[in-house]
Amino acid sequence: MRHLERRLHALRPLQREARLEITGGFDRPPLERKMSGSLFARAKSLAKQMNLSLGECTVGGGSDGNFTAALGIPTLDGLGAVGDGAHSAREHVLTNAMPGRAALLAALLATS
């Protein structure tokens, strides 16, 4: 992450008349997949036993999970509510999926 940040800030325009301004930087470490692999496998196994569907995906952005994973703590992000349109005017939650998600979380806690 820091290497990439240095490379971005080292960029220079190719045209003499051009101007390039790079501001900002990373404000949290990456949530690497290796920090969630074994925990996700356990969650997927438990979900299967409970007849729940649990898929894996990656998205942009970040969460507090980035910090816990960087500390070496197995971390799953996005295990909460099922829905769509996060942080938009069309954001919604499928309330009928909430009991299953709560049960899966309880099973994960009970088996840790």
PDB file of N, CA and C in Angstrom:
ATOM      1  N   MET A   1       0.828  -1.181   0.000  1.00  0.00           N
ATOM      2  CA  MET A   1       0.000   0.000   0.000  1.00  0.00           C
ATOM      3  C   MET A   1       0.882   1.259   0.000  1.00  0.00           C
ATOM      4  N   ARG A   2       1.869   1.299   0.885  1.00  0.00           N
ATOM      5  CA  ARG A   2       2.743   2.477   0.947  1.00  0.00           C
ATOM      6  C   ARG A   2       3.583   2.594  -0.320  1.00  0.00           C
ATOM      7  N   HIS A   3       4.017   1.465  -0.861  1.00  0.00           N
ATOM      8  CA  HIS A   3       4.776   1.472  -2.113  1.00  0.00           C
ATOM      9  C   HIS A   3       3.918   2.084  -3.228  1.00  0.00           C
ATOM     10  N   LEU A   4       2.681   1.662  -3.322  1.00  0.00           N
ATOM     11  CA  LEU A   4       1.772   2.193  -4.337  1.00  0.00           C
ATOM     12  C   LEU A   4       1.531   3.686  -4.111  1.00  0.00           C
ATOM     13  N   GLU A   5       1.378   4.072  -2.882  1.00  0.00           N
ATOM     14  CA  GLU A   5       1.166   5.482  -2.557  1.00  0.00           C
ATOM     15  C   GLU A   5       2.377   6.323  -3.011  1.00  0.00           C
ATOM     16  N   ARG A   6       3.584   5.843  -2.748  1.00  0.00           N
ATOM     17  CA  ARG A   6       4.790   6.564  -3.184  1.00  0.00           C
ATOM     18  C   ARG A   6       4.848   6.675  -4.704  1.00  0.00           C
ATOM     19  N   ARG A   7       4.506   5.598  -5.382  1.00  0.00           N
ATOM     20  CA  ARG A   7       4.527   5.617  -6.850  1.00  0.00           C
ATOM     21  C   ARG A   7       3.503   6.595  -7.410  1.00  0.00           C
ATOM     22  N   LEU A   8       2.335   6.653  -6.804  1.00  0.00           N
ATOM     23  CA  LEU A   8       1.317   7.597  -7.270  1.00  0.00           C
ATOM     24  C   LEU A   8       1.789   9.033  -7.092  1.00  0.00           C
ATOM     25  N   HIS A   9       2.366   9.324  -5.952  1.00  0.00           N
ATOM     26  CA  HIS A   9       2.839  10.686  -5.685  1.00  0.00           C
ATOM     27  C   HIS A   9       4.084  11.049  -6.504  1.00  0.00           C
ATOM     28  N   ALA A  10       4.754  10.065  -7.059  1.00  0.00           N
ATOM     29  CA  ALA A  10       5.929  10.317  -7.880  1.00  0.00           C
ATOM     30  C   ALA A  10       5.575  10.537  -9.359  1.00  0.00           C
ATOM     31  N   LEU A  11       4.321  10.348  -9.727  1.00  0.00           N
ATOM     32  CA  LEU A  11       3.926  10.541 -11.127  1.00  0.00           C
ATOM     33  C   LEU A  11       4.174  11.981 -11.569  1.00  0.00           C
ATOM     34  N   ARG A  12       4.603  12.133 -12.808  1.00  0.00           N
ATOM     35  CA  ARG A  12       4.839  13.444 -13.392  1.00  0.00           C
ATOM     36  C   ARG A  12       4.149  13.488 -14.747  1.00  0.00           C
ATOM     37  N   PRO A  13       3.667  14.666 -15.160  1.00  0.00           N
ATOM     38  CA  PRO A  13       2.986  14.756 -16.461  1.00  0.00           C
ATOM     39  C   PRO A  13       3.956  14.480 -17.617  1.00  0.00           C
ATOM     40  N   LEU A  14       3.437  13.915 -18.698  1.00  0.00           N
ATOM     41  CA  LEU A  14       4.254  13.623 -19.868  1.00  0.00           C
ATOM     42  C   LEU A  14       4.429  14.853 -20.748  1.00  0.00           C
ATOM     43  N   GLN A  15       3.461  15.732 -20.736  1.00  0.00           N
ATOM     44  CA  GLN A  15       3.515  16.952 -21.543  1.00  0.00           C
ATOM     45  C   GLN A  15       3.982  18.120 -20.680  1.00  0.00           C
ATOM     46  N   ARG A  16       4.902  18.907 -21.190  1.00  0.00           N
ATOM     47  CA  ARG A  16       5.441  20.040 -20.440  1.00  0.00           C
ATOM     48  C   ARG A  16       4.334  21.034 -20.054  1.00  0.00           C
ATOM     49  N   GLU A  17       3.315  21.154 -20.912  1.00  0.00           N
ATOM     50  CA  GLU A  17       2.229  22.106 -20.654  1.00  0.00           C
ATOM     51  C   GLU A  17       1.218  21.571 -19.634  1.00  0.00           C
ATOM     52  N   ALA A  18       1.288  20.307 -19.352  1.00  0.00           N
ATOM     53  CA  ALA A  18       0.312  19.680 -18.451  1.00  0.00           C
ATOM     54  C   ALA A  18       0.714  19.870 -16.997  1.00  0.00           C
ATOM     55  N   ARG A  19      -0.272  19.813 -16.162  1.00  0.00           N
ATOM     56  CA  ARG A  19      -0.040  19.904 -14.721  1.00  0.00           C
ATOM     57  C   ARG A  19      -0.724  18.697 -14.065  1.00  0.00           C
ATOM     58  N   LEU A  20      -0.077  18.098 -13.146  1.00  0.00           N
ATOM     59  CA  LEU A  20      -0.618  16.935 -12.451  1.00  0.00           C
ATOM     60  C   LEU A  20      -0.574  17.204 -10.958  1.00  0.00           C
ATOM     61  N   GLU A  21      -1.726  17.101 -10.328  1.00  0.00           N
ATOM     62  CA  GLU A  21      -1.794  17.313  -8.879  1.00  0.00           C
ATOM     63  C   GLU A  21      -2.390  16.070  -8.233  1.00  0.00           C
ATOM     64  N   ILE A  22      -1.634  15.482  -7.344  1.00  0.00           N
ATOM     65  CA  ILE A  22      -2.088  14.277  -6.656  1.00  0.00           C
ATOM     66  C   ILE A  22      -2.177  14.611  -5.176  1.00  0.00           C
ATOM     67  N   THR A  23      -3.357  14.410  -4.616  1.00  0.00           N
ATOM     68  CA  THR A  23      -3.565  14.695  -3.202  1.00  0.00           C
ATOM     69  C   THR A  23      -4.121  13.454  -2.508  1.00  0.00           C
ATOM     70  N   GLY A  24      -4.074  13.478  -1.212  1.00  0.00           N
ATOM     71  CA  GLY A  24      -4.654  12.380  -0.440  1.00  0.00           C
ATOM     72  C   GLY A  24      -3.715  11.199  -0.322  1.00  0.00           C
ATOM     73  N   GLY A  25      -4.290  10.114   0.094  1.00  0.00           N
ATOM     74  CA  GLY A  25      -3.537   8.889   0.295  1.00  0.00           C
ATOM     75  C   GLY A  25      -4.442   7.859   0.947  1.00  0.00           C
ATOM     76  N   PHE A  26      -3.875   6.751   1.264  1.00  0.00           N
ATOM     77  CA  PHE A  26      -4.651   5.682   1.891  1.00  0.00           C
ATOM     78  C   PHE A  26      -4.871   6.008   3.360  1.00  0.00           C
ATOM     79  N   ASP A  27      -6.073   5.750   3.841  1.00  0.00           N
ATOM     80  CA  ASP A  27      -6.352   6.019   5.252  1.00  0.00           C
ATOM     81  C   ASP A  27      -6.614   4.750   6.049  1.00  0.00           C
ATOM     82  N   ARG A  28      -6.466   3.615   5.410  1.00  0.00           N
ATOM     83  CA  ARG A  28      -6.609   2.336   6.113  1.00  0.00           C
ATOM     84  C   ARG A  28      -5.888   1.254   5.340  1.00  0.00           C
ATOM     85  N   PRO A  29      -5.422   0.231   6.022  1.00  0.00           N
ATOM     86  CA  PRO A  29      -4.730  -0.862   5.334  1.00  0.00           C
ATOM     87  C   PRO A  29      -5.719  -1.703   4.526  1.00  0.00           C
ATOM     88  N   PRO A  30      -5.230  -2.465   3.560  1.00  0.00           N
ATOM     89  CA  PRO A  30      -6.131  -3.326   2.793  1.00  0.00           C
ATOM     90  C   PRO A  30      -6.648  -4.479   3.646  1.00  0.00           C
ATOM     91  N   LEU A  31      -7.843  -4.939   3.355  1.00  0.00           N
ATOM     92  CA  LEU A  31      -8.373  -6.146   3.997  1.00  0.00           C
ATOM     93  C   LEU A  31      -8.032  -7.292   3.041  1.00  0.00           C
ATOM     94  N   GLU A  32      -6.949  -7.960   3.338  1.00  0.00           N
ATOM     95  CA  GLU A  32      -6.481  -9.011   2.439  1.00  0.00           C
ATOM     96  C   GLU A  32      -7.301 -10.285   2.622  1.00  0.00           C
ATOM     97  N   ARG A  33      -7.559 -10.958   1.509  1.00  0.00           N
ATOM     98  CA  ARG A  33      -8.381 -12.176   1.513  1.00  0.00           C
ATOM     99  C   ARG A  33      -7.830 -13.234   2.462  1.00  0.00           C
ATOM    100  N   LYS A  34      -6.506 -13.313   2.577  1.00  0.00           N
ATOM    101  CA  LYS A  34      -5.898 -14.328   3.438  1.00  0.00           C
ATOM    102  C   LYS A  34      -6.337 -14.170   4.894  1.00  0.00           C
ATOM    103  N   MET A  35      -6.795 -12.974   5.277  1.00  0.00           N
ATOM    104  CA  MET A  35      -7.224 -12.748   6.650  1.00  0.00           C
ATOM    105  C   MET A  35      -8.653 -13.209   6.897  1.00  0.00           C
ATOM    106  N   SER A  36      -9.343 -13.632   5.850  1.00  0.00           N
ATOM    107  CA  SER A  36     -10.722 -14.079   6.039  1.00  0.00           C
ATOM    108  C   SER A  36     -10.974 -15.485   5.516  1.00  0.00           C
ATOM    109  N   GLY A  37     -10.003 -16.067   4.844  1.00  0.00           N
ATOM    110  CA  GLY A  37     -10.212 -17.359   4.180  1.00  0.00           C
ATOM    111  C   GLY A  37     -10.719 -18.473   5.071  1.00  0.00           C
ATOM    112  N   SER A  38     -10.037 -18.735   6.172  1.00  0.00           N
ATOM    113  CA  SER A  38     -10.458 -19.852   7.028  1.00  0.00           C
ATOM    114  C   SER A  38     -11.769 -19.539   7.741  1.00  0.00           C
ATOM    115  N   LEU A  39     -11.948 -18.310   8.154  1.00  0.00           N
ATOM    116  CA  LEU A  39     -13.201 -17.927   8.817  1.00  0.00           C
ATOM    117  C   LEU A  39     -14.362 -17.976   7.832  1.00  0.00           C
ATOM    118  N   PHE A  40     -14.129 -17.559   6.597  1.00  0.00           N
ATOM    119  CA  PHE A  40     -15.189 -17.632   5.593  1.00  0.00           C
ATOM    120  C   PHE A  40     -15.554 -19.085   5.297  1.00  0.00           C
ATOM    121  N   ALA A  41     -14.557 -19.965   5.237  1.00  0.00           N
ATOM    122  CA  ALA A  41     -14.837 -21.390   4.994  1.00  0.00           C
ATOM    123  C   ALA A  41     -15.726 -21.941   6.108  1.00  0.00           C
ATOM    124  N   ARG A  42     -15.437 -21.555   7.362  1.00  0.00           N
ATOM    125  CA  ARG A  42     -16.276 -22.005   8.474  1.00  0.00           C
ATOM    126  C   ARG A  42     -17.679 -21.432   8.365  1.00  0.00           C
ATOM    127  N   ALA A  43     -17.798 -20.159   8.026  1.00  0.00           N
ATOM    128  CA  ALA A  43     -19.109 -19.528   7.868  1.00  0.00           C
ATOM    129  C   ALA A  43     -19.889 -20.188   6.741  1.00  0.00           C
ATOM    130  N   LYS A  44     -19.224 -20.493   5.644  1.00  0.00           N
ATOM    131  CA  LYS A  44     -19.897 -21.140   4.507  1.00  0.00           C
ATOM    132  C   LYS A  44     -20.373 -22.531   4.877  1.00  0.00           C
ATOM    133  N   SER A  45     -19.570 -23.268   5.628  1.00  0.00           N
ATOM    134  CA  SER A  45     -19.965 -24.604   6.074  1.00  0.00           C
ATOM    135  C   SER A  45     -21.176 -24.535   7.001  1.00  0.00           C
ATOM    136  N   LEU A  46     -21.136 -23.616   7.940  1.00  0.00           N
ATOM    137  CA  LEU A  46     -22.278 -23.441   8.849  1.00  0.00           C
ATOM    138  C   LEU A  46     -23.527 -23.012   8.084  1.00  0.00           C
ATOM    139  N   ALA A  47     -23.353 -22.096   7.132  1.00  0.00           N
ATOM    140  CA  ALA A  47     -24.496 -21.632   6.333  1.00  0.00           C
ATOM    141  C   ALA A  47     -25.120 -22.798   5.567  1.00  0.00           C
ATOM    142  N   LYS A  48     -24.278 -23.661   5.019  1.00  0.00           N
ATOM    143  CA  LYS A  48     -24.782 -24.824   4.269  1.00  0.00           C
ATOM    144  C   LYS A  48     -25.599 -25.733   5.186  1.00  0.00           C
ATOM    145  N   GLN A  49     -25.103 -25.965   6.410  1.00  0.00           N
ATOM    146  CA  GLN A  49     -25.830 -26.790   7.379  1.00  0.00           C
ATOM    147  C   GLN A  49     -27.185 -26.175   7.730  1.00  0.00           C
ATOM    148  N   MET A  50     -27.276 -24.847   7.640  1.00  0.00           N
ATOM    149  CA  MET A  50     -28.498 -24.138   7.995  1.00  0.00           C
ATOM    150  C   MET A  50     -29.364 -23.854   6.766  1.00  0.00           C
ATOM    151  N   ASN A  51     -28.989 -24.418   5.621  1.00  0.00           N
ATOM    152  CA  ASN A  51     -29.691 -24.178   4.349  1.00  0.00           C
ATOM    153  C   ASN A  51     -29.737 -22.703   3.983  1.00  0.00           C
ATOM    154  N   LEU A  52     -28.643 -22.001   4.255  1.00  0.00           N
ATOM    155  CA  LEU A  52     -28.520 -20.592   3.891  1.00  0.00           C
ATOM    156  C   LEU A  52     -27.508 -20.460   2.766  1.00  0.00           C
ATOM    157  N   SER A  53     -27.736 -19.514   1.918  1.00  0.00           N
ATOM    158  CA  SER A  53     -26.790 -19.231   0.839  1.00  0.00           C
ATOM    159  C   SER A  53     -25.809 -18.168   1.313  1.00  0.00           C
ATOM    160  N   LEU A  54     -24.519 -18.431   1.122  1.00  0.00           N
ATOM    161  CA  LEU A  54     -23.500 -17.473   1.512  1.00  0.00           C
ATOM    162  C   LEU A  54     -22.461 -17.406   0.405  1.00  0.00           C
ATOM    163  N   GLY A  55     -22.408 -16.290  -0.280  1.00  0.00           N
ATOM    164  CA  GLY A  55     -21.473 -16.116  -1.382  1.00  0.00           C
ATOM    165  C   GLY A  55     -20.318 -15.224  -0.984  1.00  0.00           C
ATOM    166  N   GLU A  56     -19.280 -15.260  -1.789  1.00  0.00           N
ATOM    167  CA  GLU A  56     -18.098 -14.437  -1.551  1.00  0.00           C
ATOM    168  C   GLU A  56     -18.005 -13.377  -2.637  1.00  0.00           C
ATOM    169  N   CYS A  57     -17.608 -12.188  -2.251  1.00  0.00           N
ATOM    170  CA  CYS A  57     -17.410 -11.132  -3.234  1.00  0.00           C
ATOM    171  C   CYS A  57     -16.367 -10.150  -2.711  1.00  0.00           C
ATOM    172  N   THR A  58     -15.897  -9.314  -3.590  1.00  0.00           N
ATOM    173  CA  THR A  58     -15.019  -8.225  -3.192  1.00  0.00           C
ATOM    174  C   THR A  58     -15.627  -6.929  -3.709  1.00  0.00           C
ATOM    175  N   VAL A  59     -15.470  -5.891  -2.922  1.00  0.00           N
ATOM    176  CA  VAL A  59     -15.996  -4.575  -3.295  1.00  0.00           C
ATOM    177  C   VAL A  59     -14.959  -3.521  -2.944  1.00  0.00           C
ATOM    178  N   GLY A  60     -15.130  -2.357  -3.450  1.00  0.00           N
ATOM    179  CA  GLY A  60     -14.236  -1.261  -3.109  1.00  0.00           C
ATOM    180  C   GLY A  60     -14.600  -0.683  -1.751  1.00  0.00           C
ATOM    181  N   GLY A  61     -13.901   0.311  -1.368  1.00  0.00           N
ATOM    182  CA  GLY A  61     -14.184   0.966  -0.096  1.00  0.00           C
ATOM    183  C   GLY A  61     -13.446   0.308   1.043  1.00  0.00           C
ATOM    184  N   GLY A  62     -13.884   0.589   2.233  1.00  0.00           N
ATOM    185  CA  GLY A  62     -13.226   0.031   3.402  1.00  0.00           C
ATOM    186  C   GLY A  62     -14.144   0.079   4.601  1.00  0.00           C
ATOM    187  N   SER A  63     -13.715  -0.569   5.654  1.00  0.00           N
ATOM    188  CA  SER A  63     -14.497  -0.611   6.885  1.00  0.00           C
ATOM    189  C   SER A  63     -13.547  -0.765   8.058  1.00  0.00           C
ATOM    190  N   ASP A  64     -14.093  -0.856   9.240  1.00  0.00           N
ATOM    191  CA  ASP A  64     -13.269  -1.130  10.412  1.00  0.00           C
ATOM    192  C   ASP A  64     -12.596  -2.498  10.296  1.00  0.00           C
ATOM    193  N   GLY A  65     -13.179  -3.382   9.484  1.00  0.00           N
ATOM    194  CA  GLY A  65     -12.579  -4.688   9.256  1.00  0.00           C
ATOM    195  C   GLY A  65     -11.183  -4.602   8.673  1.00  0.00           C
ATOM    196  N   ASN A  66     -10.897  -3.543   7.938  1.00  0.00           N
ATOM    197  CA  ASN A  66      -9.543  -3.358   7.411  1.00  0.00           C
ATOM    198  C   ASN A  66      -8.536  -3.273   8.552  1.00  0.00           C
ATOM    199  N   PHE A  67      -8.912  -2.612   9.637  1.00  0.00           N
ATOM    200  CA  PHE A  67      -7.999  -2.442  10.767  1.00  0.00           C
ATOM    201  C   PHE A  67      -7.830  -3.746  11.552  1.00  0.00           C
ATOM    202  N   THR A  68      -8.928  -4.476  11.784  1.00  0.00           N
ATOM    203  CA  THR A  68      -8.808  -5.727  12.536  1.00  0.00           C
ATOM    204  C   THR A  68      -8.000  -6.750  11.746  1.00  0.00           C
ATOM    205  N   ALA A  69      -8.222  -6.831  10.446  1.00  0.00           N
ATOM    206  CA  ALA A  69      -7.470  -7.777   9.617  1.00  0.00           C
ATOM    207  C   ALA A  69      -5.982  -7.439   9.628  1.00  0.00           C
ATOM    208  N   ALA A  70      -5.660  -6.146   9.598  1.00  0.00           N
ATOM    209  CA  ALA A  70      -4.254  -5.732   9.624  1.00  0.00           C
ATOM    210  C   ALA A  70      -3.575  -6.098  10.944  1.00  0.00           C
ATOM    211  N   LEU A  71      -4.374  -6.284  11.989  1.00  0.00           N
ATOM    212  CA  LEU A  71      -3.832  -6.703  13.286  1.00  0.00           C
ATOM    213  C   LEU A  71      -3.683  -8.221  13.373  1.00  0.00           C
ATOM    214  N   GLY A  72      -4.053  -8.932  12.297  1.00  0.00           N
ATOM    215  CA  GLY A  72      -3.933 -10.382  12.276  1.00  0.00           C
ATOM    216  C   GLY A  72      -5.167 -11.095  12.798  1.00  0.00           C
ATOM    217  N   ILE A  73      -6.262 -10.388  12.971  1.00  0.00           N
ATOM    218  CA  ILE A  73      -7.500 -10.969  13.482  1.00  0.00           C
ATOM    219  C   ILE A  73      -8.340 -11.439  12.295  1.00  0.00           C
ATOM    220  N   PRO A  74      -8.713 -12.728  12.239  1.00  0.00           N
ATOM    221  CA  PRO A  74      -9.572 -13.197  11.147  1.00  0.00           C
ATOM    222  C   PRO A  74     -10.833 -12.326  11.084  1.00  0.00           C
ATOM    223  N   THR A  75     -11.126 -11.826   9.901  1.00  0.00           N
ATOM    224  CA  THR A  75     -12.172 -10.826   9.755  1.00  0.00           C
ATOM    225  C   THR A  75     -13.064 -11.133   8.565  1.00  0.00           C
ATOM    226  N   LEU A  76     -14.368 -11.101   8.795  1.00  0.00           N
ATOM    227  CA  LEU A  76     -15.347 -11.151   7.707  1.00  0.00           C
ATOM    228  C   LEU A  76     -16.043  -9.803   7.669  1.00  0.00           C
ATOM    229  N   ASP A  77     -16.180  -9.250   6.493  1.00  0.00           N
ATOM    230  CA  ASP A  77     -16.865  -7.976   6.322  1.00  0.00           C
ATOM    231  C   ASP A  77     -18.076  -8.216   5.430  1.00  0.00           C
ATOM    232  N   GLY A  78     -19.175  -7.598   5.751  1.00  0.00           N
ATOM    233  CA  GLY A  78     -20.364  -7.763   4.932  1.00  0.00           C
ATOM    234  C   GLY A  78     -21.195  -8.968   5.313  1.00  0.00           C
ATOM    235  N   LEU A  79     -21.075  -9.421   6.531  1.00  0.00           N
ATOM    236  CA  LEU A  79     -21.826 -10.597   6.972  1.00  0.00           C
ATOM    237  C   LEU A  79     -23.198 -10.203   7.532  1.00  0.00           C
ATOM    238  N   GLY A  80     -23.464  -8.926   7.581  1.00  0.00           N
ATOM    239  CA  GLY A  80     -24.718  -8.441   8.170  1.00  0.00           C
ATOM    240  C   GLY A  80     -25.903  -8.552   7.229  1.00  0.00           C
ATOM    241  N   ALA A  81     -26.628  -7.492   7.144  1.00  0.00           N
ATOM    242  CA  ALA A  81     -27.883  -7.470   6.394  1.00  0.00           C
ATOM    243  C   ALA A  81     -27.682  -7.783   4.914  1.00  0.00           C
ATOM    244  N   VAL A  82     -28.667  -8.460   4.331  1.00  0.00           N
ATOM    245  CA  VAL A  82     -28.699  -8.753   2.900  1.00  0.00           C
ATOM    246  C   VAL A  82     -29.525  -7.648   2.246  1.00  0.00           C
ATOM    247  N   GLY A  83     -29.025  -7.099   1.179  1.00  0.00           N
ATOM    248  CA  GLY A  83     -29.744  -6.043   0.477  1.00  0.00           C
ATOM    249  C   GLY A  83     -28.973  -5.593  -0.739  1.00  0.00           C
ATOM    250  N   ASP A  84     -29.162  -4.330  -1.099  1.00  0.00           N
ATOM    251  CA  ASP A  84     -28.483  -3.796  -2.273  1.00  0.00           C
ATOM    252  C   ASP A  84     -28.464  -2.274  -2.200  1.00  0.00           C
ATOM    253  N   GLY A  85     -27.637  -1.676  -3.033  1.00  0.00           N
ATOM    254  CA  GLY A  85     -27.598  -0.228  -3.164  1.00  0.00           C
ATOM    255  C   GLY A  85     -26.943   0.500  -2.015  1.00  0.00           C
ATOM    256  N   ALA A  86     -25.932  -0.096  -1.404  1.00  0.00           N
ATOM    257  CA  ALA A  86     -25.301   0.494  -0.224  1.00  0.00           C
ATOM    258  C   ALA A  86     -24.968   1.971  -0.427  1.00  0.00           C
ATOM    259  N   HIS A  87     -25.328   2.763   0.551  1.00  0.00           N
ATOM    260  CA  HIS A  87     -25.016   4.197   0.599  1.00  0.00           C
ATOM    261  C   HIS A  87     -25.586   4.979  -0.581  1.00  0.00           C
ATOM    262  N   SER A  88     -26.716   4.540  -1.100  1.00  0.00           N
ATOM    263  CA  SER A  88     -27.352   5.259  -2.201  1.00  0.00           C
ATOM    264  C   SER A  88     -28.832   5.466  -1.882  1.00  0.00           C
ATOM    265  N   ALA A  89     -29.503   6.212  -2.727  1.00  0.00           N
ATOM    266  CA  ALA A  89     -30.934   6.461  -2.529  1.00  0.00           C
ATOM    267  C   ALA A  89     -31.754   5.180  -2.679  1.00  0.00           C
ATOM    268  N   ARG A  90     -31.204   4.182  -3.339  1.00  0.00           N
ATOM    269  CA  ARG A  90     -31.956   2.925  -3.521  1.00  0.00           C
ATOM    270  C   ARG A  90     -31.515   1.825  -2.548  1.00  0.00           C
ATOM    271  N   GLU A  91     -30.736   2.195  -1.530  1.00  0.00           N
ATOM    272  CA  GLU A  91     -30.293   1.214  -0.535  1.00  0.00           C
ATOM    273  C   GLU A  91     -31.500   0.578   0.143  1.00  0.00           C
ATOM    274  N   HIS A  92     -31.443  -0.740   0.287  1.00  0.00           N
ATOM    275  CA  HIS A  92     -32.527  -1.445   0.986  1.00  0.00           C
ATOM    276  C   HIS A  92     -31.995  -2.733   1.614  1.00  0.00           C
ATOM    277  N   VAL A  93     -32.762  -3.243   2.565  1.00  0.00           N
ATOM    278  CA  VAL A  93     -32.441  -4.476   3.276  1.00  0.00           C
ATOM    279  C   VAL A  93     -33.591  -5.446   3.085  1.00  0.00           C
ATOM    280  N   LEU A  94     -33.262  -6.712   2.867  1.00  0.00           N
ATOM    281  CA  LEU A  94     -34.283  -7.759   2.763  1.00  0.00           C
ATOM    282  C   LEU A  94     -34.549  -8.277   4.176  1.00  0.00           C
ATOM    283  N   THR A  95     -35.626  -7.805   4.766  1.00  0.00           N
ATOM    284  CA  THR A  95     -35.896  -8.129   6.169  1.00  0.00           C
ATOM    285  C   THR A  95     -36.129  -9.618   6.390  1.00  0.00           C
ATOM    286  N   ASN A  96     -36.622 -10.318   5.387  1.00  0.00           N
ATOM    287  CA  ASN A  96     -36.869 -11.760   5.572  1.00  0.00           C
ATOM    288  C   ASN A  96     -35.567 -12.560   5.697  1.00  0.00           C
ATOM    289  N   ALA A  97     -34.420 -11.951   5.308  1.00  0.00           N
ATOM    290  CA  ALA A  97     -33.132 -12.639   5.424  1.00  0.00           C
ATOM    291  C   ALA A  97     -32.464 -12.388   6.783  1.00  0.00           C
ATOM    292  N   MET A  98     -32.978 -11.456   7.560  1.00  0.00           N
ATOM    293  CA  MET A  98     -32.341 -11.085   8.821  1.00  0.00           C
ATOM    294  C   MET A  98     -32.261 -12.232   9.838  1.00  0.00           C
ATOM    295  N   PRO A  99     -33.328 -13.013  10.061  1.00  0.00           N
ATOM    296  CA  PRO A  99     -33.219 -14.110  11.034  1.00  0.00           C
ATOM    297  C   PRO A  99     -32.124 -15.123  10.675  1.00  0.00           C
ATOM    298  N   GLY A 100     -31.993 -15.452   9.410  1.00  0.00           N
ATOM    299  CA  GLY A 100     -30.962 -16.398   8.987  1.00  0.00           C
ATOM    300  C   GLY A 100     -29.565 -15.847   9.216  1.00  0.00           C
ATOM    301  N   ARG A 101     -29.369 -14.568   8.909  1.00  0.00           N
ATOM    302  CA  ARG A 101     -28.064 -13.951   9.131  1.00  0.00           C
ATOM    303  C   ARG A 101     -27.730 -13.894  10.616  1.00  0.00           C
ATOM    304  N   ALA A 102     -28.727 -13.584  11.437  1.00  0.00           N
ATOM    305  CA  ALA A 102     -28.509 -13.550  12.890  1.00  0.00           C
ATOM    306  C   ALA A 102     -28.153 -14.943  13.402  1.00  0.00           C
ATOM    307  N   ALA A 103     -28.837 -15.967  12.889  1.00  0.00           N
ATOM    308  CA  ALA A 103     -28.551 -17.337  13.305  1.00  0.00           C
ATOM    309  C   ALA A 103     -27.148 -17.764  12.876  1.00  0.00           C
ATOM    310  N   LEU A 104     -26.733 -17.344  11.684  1.00  0.00           N
ATOM    311  CA  LEU A 104     -25.388 -17.675  11.213  1.00  0.00           C
ATOM    312  C   LEU A 104     -24.338 -16.998  12.088  1.00  0.00           C
ATOM    313  N   LEU A 105     -24.551 -15.752  12.432  1.00  0.00           N
ATOM    314  CA  LEU A 105     -23.613 -15.056  13.295  1.00  0.00           C
ATOM    315  C   LEU A 105     -23.530 -15.742  14.662  1.00  0.00           C
ATOM    316  N   ALA A 106     -24.689 -16.128  15.197  1.00  0.00           N
ATOM    317  CA  ALA A 106     -24.715 -16.818  16.490  1.00  0.00           C
ATOM    318  C   ALA A 106     -23.948 -18.148  16.398  1.00  0.00           C
ATOM    319  N   ALA A 107     -24.115 -18.878  15.298  1.00  0.00           N
ATOM    320  CA  ALA A 107     -23.408 -20.148  15.118  1.00  0.00           C
ATOM    321  C   ALA A 107     -21.904 -19.924  15.022  1.00  0.00           C
ATOM    322  N   LEU A 108     -21.491 -18.870  14.327  1.00  0.00           N
ATOM    323  CA  LEU A 108     -20.057 -18.549  14.243  1.00  0.00           C
ATOM    324  C   LEU A 108     -19.483 -18.236  15.618  1.00  0.00           C
ATOM    325  N   LEU A 109     -20.210 -17.455  16.393  1.00  0.00           N
ATOM    326  CA  LEU A 109     -19.740 -17.109  17.746  1.00  0.00           C
ATOM    327  C   LEU A 109     -19.697 -18.343  18.642  1.00  0.00           C
ATOM    328  N   ALA A 110     -20.683 -19.221  18.504  1.00  0.00           N
ATOM    329  CA  ALA A 110     -20.762 -20.413  19.352  1.00  0.00           C
ATOM    330  C   ALA A 110     -19.655 -21.417  19.046  1.00  0.00           C
ATOM    331  N   THR A 111     -19.134 -21.371  17.810  1.00  0.00           N
ATOM    332  CA  THR A 111     -18.126 -22.368  17.404  1.00  0.00           C
ATOM    333  C   THR A 111     -16.711 -21.788  17.401  1.00  0.00           C
ATOM    334  N   SER A 112     -16.553 -20.578  17.891  1.00  0.00           N
ATOM    335  CA  SER A 112     -15.203 -19.985  17.862  1.00  0.00           C
ATOM    336  C   SER A 112     -14.433 -20.286  19.126  1.00  0.00           C
TER     337      SER A 112
END
